[in-house]
Amino acid sequence: MSSLRRFTWPSTWPLLCGSRAAASSAGSSGEGGGGGPPPSVSISFPLDGITVGSVMGAVPVSFETANFILVPPGDPSCADSSELCGHVHLFVDGSACSPPGQAYNDDGESSPIDAILTSCPSVGGSHTAVLELHHNDHSPVLGPDGVVSASVTFSAI
């Protein structure tokens, strides 16, 4: 079960997000836009290699981001291709566990995000979860090494 967190946006947020978007469309490659550190994401749970129990076919994936503000997909406070803000896409076992008609297993703007294992051929067994940062328009955020992402392999029972 996820808990709701309340956050008040600074009054300069739309300006920051919009100005970064302009820098991005002017040729920034996602390396933090105007010279700042690049955005990143890390997974804190489940730990790599552990066995976890699923609750109603889902496993929570806890994560943290740096240099990136999470907002709901389509949030008007975030420009479509801003390097500063967006949401995450969760892939489980590549596309093998994506619900029909969807390119990813789950998406969201807060941690944890559920790995929906009922979309997999088998809930139990080994799974690899990949969490990617995405722009408001659902395109992936690119960093120095490609798509900004983190992955973990776990077993579900």
C-alpha atoms as a PDB file:
ATOM      1  CA  MET A   1       0.000   0.000   0.000  1.00  0.00           C
ATOM      2  CA  SER A   2       1.500   3.332  -0.945  1.00  0.00           C
ATOM      3  CA  SER A   3       1.198   6.417   1.205  1.00  0.00           C
ATOM      4  CA  LEU A   4       0.495   9.857  -0.127  1.00  0.00           C
ATOM      5  CA  ARG A   5       3.077  12.561   0.385  1.00  0.00           C
ATOM      6  CA  ARG A   6       2.206  16.232   0.209  1.00  0.00           C
ATOM      7  CA  PHE A   7       4.694  18.639  -1.343  1.00  0.00           C
ATOM      8  CA  THR A   8       4.307  22.350  -1.993  1.00  0.00           C
ATOM      9  CA  TRP A   9       5.900  23.481  -5.247  1.00  0.00           C
ATOM     10  CA  PRO A  10       8.155  26.535  -5.070  1.00  0.00           C
ATOM     11  CA  SER A  11       6.722  29.540  -6.904  1.00  0.00           C
ATOM     12  CA  THR A  12       9.683  29.413  -9.316  1.00  0.00           C
ATOM     13  CA  TRP A  13       9.084  25.756 -10.268  1.00  0.00           C
ATOM     14  CA  PRO A  14       7.343  26.400 -13.646  1.00  0.00           C
ATOM     15  CA  LEU A  15      10.095  28.853 -14.595  1.00  0.00           C
ATOM     16  CA  LEU A  16      12.851  26.420 -13.671  1.00  0.00           C
ATOM     17  CA  CYS A  17      11.220  23.529 -15.448  1.00  0.00           C
ATOM     18  CA  GLY A  18      10.428  25.591 -18.528  1.00  0.00           C
ATOM     19  CA  SER A  19      13.887  27.130 -18.755  1.00  0.00           C
ATOM     20  CA  ARG A  20      15.516  23.706 -18.525  1.00  0.00           C
ATOM     21  CA  ALA A  21      13.182  22.447 -21.247  1.00  0.00           C
ATOM     22  CA  ALA A  22      14.335  25.282 -23.480  1.00  0.00           C
ATOM     23  CA  ALA A  23      17.957  24.379 -22.777  1.00  0.00           C
ATOM     24  CA  SER A  24      17.151  20.741 -23.507  1.00  0.00           C
ATOM     25  CA  SER A  25      15.536  21.455 -26.857  1.00  0.00           C
ATOM     26  CA  ALA A  26      18.428  23.755 -27.723  1.00  0.00           C
ATOM     27  CA  GLY A  27      20.871  20.877 -27.637  1.00  0.00           C
ATOM     28  CA  SER A  28      21.430  19.730 -24.061  1.00  0.00           C
ATOM     29  CA  SER A  29      21.915  15.983 -23.953  1.00  0.00           C
ATOM     30  CA  GLY A  30      20.385  15.312 -20.565  1.00  0.00           C
ATOM     31  CA  GLU A  31      23.623  15.670 -18.652  1.00  0.00           C
ATOM     32  CA  GLY A  32      21.950  17.917 -16.130  1.00  0.00           C
ATOM     33  CA  GLY A  33      21.024  20.539 -18.733  1.00  0.00           C
ATOM     34  CA  GLY A  34      22.900  23.748 -17.911  1.00  0.00           C
ATOM     35  CA  GLY A  35      26.025  22.044 -16.620  1.00  0.00           C
ATOM     36  CA  GLY A  36      24.612  20.697 -13.349  1.00  0.00           C
ATOM     37  CA  PRO A  37      24.926  17.079 -12.259  1.00  0.00           C
ATOM     38  CA  PRO A  38      22.909  14.597 -14.321  1.00  0.00           C
ATOM     39  CA  PRO A  39      19.678  13.114 -12.992  1.00  0.00           C
ATOM     40  CA  SER A  40      19.881   9.655 -11.440  1.00  0.00           C
ATOM     41  CA  VAL A  41      17.688   6.956  -9.939  1.00  0.00           C
ATOM     42  CA  SER A  42      18.545   4.146  -7.521  1.00  0.00           C
ATOM     43  CA  ILE A  43      16.544   1.205  -6.170  1.00  0.00           C
ATOM     44  CA  SER A  44      16.656   0.611  -2.415  1.00  0.00           C
ATOM     45  CA  PHE A  45      14.193  -2.332  -2.266  1.00  0.00           C
ATOM     46  CA  PRO A  46      14.126  -5.115  -3.133  1.00  0.00           C
ATOM     47  CA  LEU A  47      17.828  -5.756  -2.762  1.00  0.00           C
ATOM     48  CA  ASP A  48      19.565  -7.549  -5.602  1.00  0.00           C
ATOM     49  CA  GLY A  49      19.305 -11.337  -5.274  1.00  0.00           C
ATOM     50  CA  ILE A  50      16.796 -11.541  -2.407  1.00  0.00           C
ATOM     51  CA  THR A  51      13.547 -13.485  -2.242  1.00  0.00           C
ATOM     52  CA  VAL A  52      10.438 -11.435  -1.489  1.00  0.00           C
ATOM     53  CA  GLY A  53       6.800 -12.263  -0.952  1.00  0.00           C
ATOM     54  CA  SER A  54       4.305 -10.671  -3.285  1.00  0.00           C
ATOM     55  CA  VAL A  55       1.109  -9.160  -1.924  1.00  0.00           C
ATOM     56  CA  MET A  56      -1.792  -9.829  -4.265  1.00  0.00           C
ATOM     57  CA  GLY A  57       0.735 -10.370  -7.062  1.00  0.00           C
ATOM     58  CA  ALA A  58       2.662  -7.129  -6.555  1.00  0.00           C
ATOM     59  CA  VAL A  59       6.094  -6.304  -5.121  1.00  0.00           C
ATOM     60  CA  PRO A  60       6.825  -2.721  -4.041  1.00  0.00           C
ATOM     61  CA  VAL A  61       9.960  -1.261  -5.614  1.00  0.00           C
ATOM     62  CA  SER A  62      11.360   1.557  -3.451  1.00  0.00           C
ATOM     63  CA  PHE A  63      13.602   4.101  -5.119  1.00  0.00           C
ATOM     64  CA  GLU A  64      15.218   7.509  -4.845  1.00  0.00           C
ATOM     65  CA  THR A  65      16.017  10.104  -7.476  1.00  0.00           C
ATOM     66  CA  ALA A  66      18.671  12.818  -7.504  1.00  0.00           C
ATOM     67  CA  ASN A  67      18.643  16.026  -9.564  1.00  0.00           C
ATOM     68  CA  PHE A  68      15.141  15.153 -10.794  1.00  0.00           C
ATOM     69  CA  ILE A  69      11.701  16.132  -9.450  1.00  0.00           C
ATOM     70  CA  LEU A  70       8.952  13.522  -9.711  1.00  0.00           C
ATOM     71  CA  VAL A  71       5.548  14.745 -10.887  1.00  0.00           C
ATOM     72  CA  PRO A  72       2.466  12.880 -12.124  1.00  0.00           C
ATOM     73  CA  PRO A  73       2.606  12.030 -15.845  1.00  0.00           C
ATOM     74  CA  GLY A  74       1.204  14.981 -17.800  1.00  0.00           C
ATOM     75  CA  ASP A  75       1.511  17.444 -14.881  1.00  0.00           C
ATOM     76  CA  PRO A  76       1.338  20.963 -16.372  1.00  0.00           C
ATOM     77  CA  SER A  77       4.015  22.257 -13.959  1.00  0.00           C
ATOM     78  CA  CYS A  78       6.601  20.233 -15.886  1.00  0.00           C
ATOM     79  CA  ALA A  79       7.474  20.932 -19.529  1.00  0.00           C
ATOM     80  CA  ASP A  80       7.174  17.842 -21.769  1.00  0.00           C
ATOM     81  CA  SER A  81      10.914  17.390 -22.338  1.00  0.00           C
ATOM     82  CA  SER A  82      12.324  19.016 -19.204  1.00  0.00           C
ATOM     83  CA  GLU A  83      15.465  17.434 -17.794  1.00  0.00           C
ATOM     84  CA  LEU A  84      14.405  18.574 -14.302  1.00  0.00           C
ATOM     85  CA  CYS A  85      11.135  16.737 -13.864  1.00  0.00           C
ATOM     86  CA  GLY A  86       8.999  13.821 -14.962  1.00  0.00           C
ATOM     87  CA  HIS A  87       8.070  10.372 -13.707  1.00  0.00           C
ATOM     88  CA  VAL A  88       9.313   6.785 -13.691  1.00  0.00           C
ATOM     89  CA  HIS A  89       8.491   3.781 -15.859  1.00  0.00           C
ATOM     90  CA  LEU A  90       8.943   0.313 -14.387  1.00  0.00           C
ATOM     91  CA  PHE A  91       9.770  -2.612 -16.663  1.00  0.00           C
ATOM     92  CA  VAL A  92       9.660  -6.170 -15.320  1.00  0.00           C
ATOM     93  CA  ASP A  93      11.430  -8.892 -17.313  1.00  0.00           C
ATOM     94  CA  GLY A  94      11.665  -6.569 -20.306  1.00  0.00           C
ATOM     95  CA  SER A  95       8.221  -6.377 -21.867  1.00  0.00           C
ATOM     96  CA  ALA A  96       7.192  -9.895 -20.730  1.00  0.00           C
ATOM     97  CA  CYS A  97       5.297  -8.482 -17.729  1.00  0.00           C
ATOM     98  CA  SER A  98       3.687  -5.434 -19.327  1.00  0.00           C
ATOM     99  CA  PRO A  99      -0.115  -5.399 -19.265  1.00  0.00           C
ATOM    100  CA  PRO A 100      -1.713  -5.808 -22.722  1.00  0.00           C
ATOM    101  CA  GLY A 101      -1.418  -2.632 -24.774  1.00  0.00           C
ATOM    102  CA  GLN A 102       1.080  -1.005 -22.403  1.00  0.00           C
ATOM    103  CA  ALA A 103       4.803  -0.515 -23.099  1.00  0.00           C
ATOM    104  CA  TYR A 104       5.813  -0.876 -19.425  1.00  0.00           C
ATOM    105  CA  ASN A 105       4.669  -2.672 -16.261  1.00  0.00           C
ATOM    106  CA  ASP A 106       3.804   0.438 -14.200  1.00  0.00           C
ATOM    107  CA  ASP A 107       4.486   4.178 -14.039  1.00  0.00           C
ATOM    108  CA  GLY A 108       4.294   6.760 -11.307  1.00  0.00           C
ATOM    109  CA  GLU A 109       5.662   9.734  -9.450  1.00  0.00           C
ATOM    110  CA  SER A 110       6.352   8.408  -5.975  1.00  0.00           C
ATOM    111  CA  SER A 111       8.180   5.622  -4.203  1.00  0.00           C
ATOM    112  CA  PRO A 112       7.410   2.826  -3.887  1.00  0.00           C
ATOM    113  CA  ILE A 113       6.011   1.793  -7.246  1.00  0.00           C
ATOM    114  CA  ASP A 114       4.449  -1.648  -7.622  1.00  0.00           C
ATOM    115  CA  ALA A 115       5.946  -4.325  -9.842  1.00  0.00           C
ATOM    116  CA  ILE A 116       2.698  -5.917 -11.003  1.00  0.00           C
ATOM    117  CA  LEU A 117       3.682  -9.563 -11.270  1.00  0.00           C
ATOM    118  CA  THR A 118       0.169 -10.723 -12.184  1.00  0.00           C
ATOM    119  CA  SER A 119       1.008  -9.391 -15.673  1.00  0.00           C
ATOM    120  CA  CYS A 120       3.906 -11.890 -15.865  1.00  0.00           C
ATOM    121  CA  PRO A 121       3.659 -15.453 -17.204  1.00  0.00           C
ATOM    122  CA  SER A 122       4.413 -16.541 -13.602  1.00  0.00           C
ATOM    123  CA  VAL A 123       4.215 -14.512 -10.384  1.00  0.00           C
ATOM    124  CA  GLY A 124       6.729 -16.746  -8.622  1.00  0.00           C
ATOM    125  CA  GLY A 125      10.352 -17.067  -9.635  1.00  0.00           C
ATOM    126  CA  SER A 126      13.126 -14.750 -10.719  1.00  0.00           C
ATOM    127  CA  HIS A 127      12.299 -11.271 -12.059  1.00  0.00           C
ATOM    128  CA  THR A 128      14.389  -8.314 -13.194  1.00  0.00           C
ATOM    129  CA  ALA A 129      12.933  -4.865 -12.543  1.00  0.00           C
ATOM    130  CA  VAL A 130      14.291  -1.852 -14.430  1.00  0.00           C
ATOM    131  CA  LEU A 131      13.246   1.621 -13.331  1.00  0.00           C
ATOM    132  CA  GLU A 132      13.733   4.450 -15.871  1.00  0.00           C
ATOM    133  CA  LEU A 133      13.318   8.206 -15.578  1.00  0.00           C
ATOM    134  CA  HIS A 134      10.942   9.615 -18.193  1.00  0.00           C
ATOM    135  CA  HIS A 135       9.992  13.077 -19.382  1.00  0.00           C
ATOM    136  CA  ASN A 136       6.428  14.305 -19.117  1.00  0.00           C
ATOM    137  CA  ASP A 137       5.874  13.221 -22.741  1.00  0.00           C
ATOM    138  CA  HIS A 138       6.951   9.644 -21.743  1.00  0.00           C
ATOM    139  CA  SER A 139      10.255   9.810 -23.654  1.00  0.00           C
ATOM    140  CA  PRO A 140      13.229   8.493 -21.639  1.00  0.00           C
ATOM    141  CA  VAL A 141      15.604  10.861 -19.849  1.00  0.00           C
ATOM    142  CA  LEU A 142      19.089  10.465 -21.284  1.00  0.00           C
ATOM    143  CA  GLY A 143      22.247  10.751 -19.214  1.00  0.00           C
ATOM    144  CA  PRO A 144      25.925  10.354 -20.066  1.00  0.00           C
ATOM    145  CA  ASP A 145      25.518   6.564 -20.375  1.00  0.00           C
ATOM    146  CA  GLY A 146      22.137   6.413 -22.134  1.00  0.00           C
ATOM    147  CA  VAL A 147      18.695   6.072 -20.522  1.00  0.00           C
ATOM    148  CA  VAL A 148      18.837   7.001 -16.825  1.00  0.00           C
ATOM    149  CA  SER A 149      17.860   3.788 -15.071  1.00  0.00           C
ATOM    150  CA  ALA A 150      18.500   1.337 -12.245  1.00  0.00           C
ATOM    151  CA  SER A 151      17.840  -2.399 -12.119  1.00  0.00           C
ATOM    152  CA  VAL A 152      17.464  -5.191  -9.607  1.00  0.00           C
ATOM    153  CA  THR A 153      16.936  -8.951  -9.876  1.00  0.00           C
ATOM    154  CA  PHE A 154      14.847 -10.655  -7.194  1.00  0.00           C
ATOM    155  CA  SER A 155      12.822 -13.807  -6.673  1.00  0.00           C
ATOM    156  CA  ALA A 156       9.140 -13.657  -5.776  1.00  0.00           C
ATOM    157  CA  ILE A 157       7.176 -16.277  -3.870  1.00  0.00           C
END
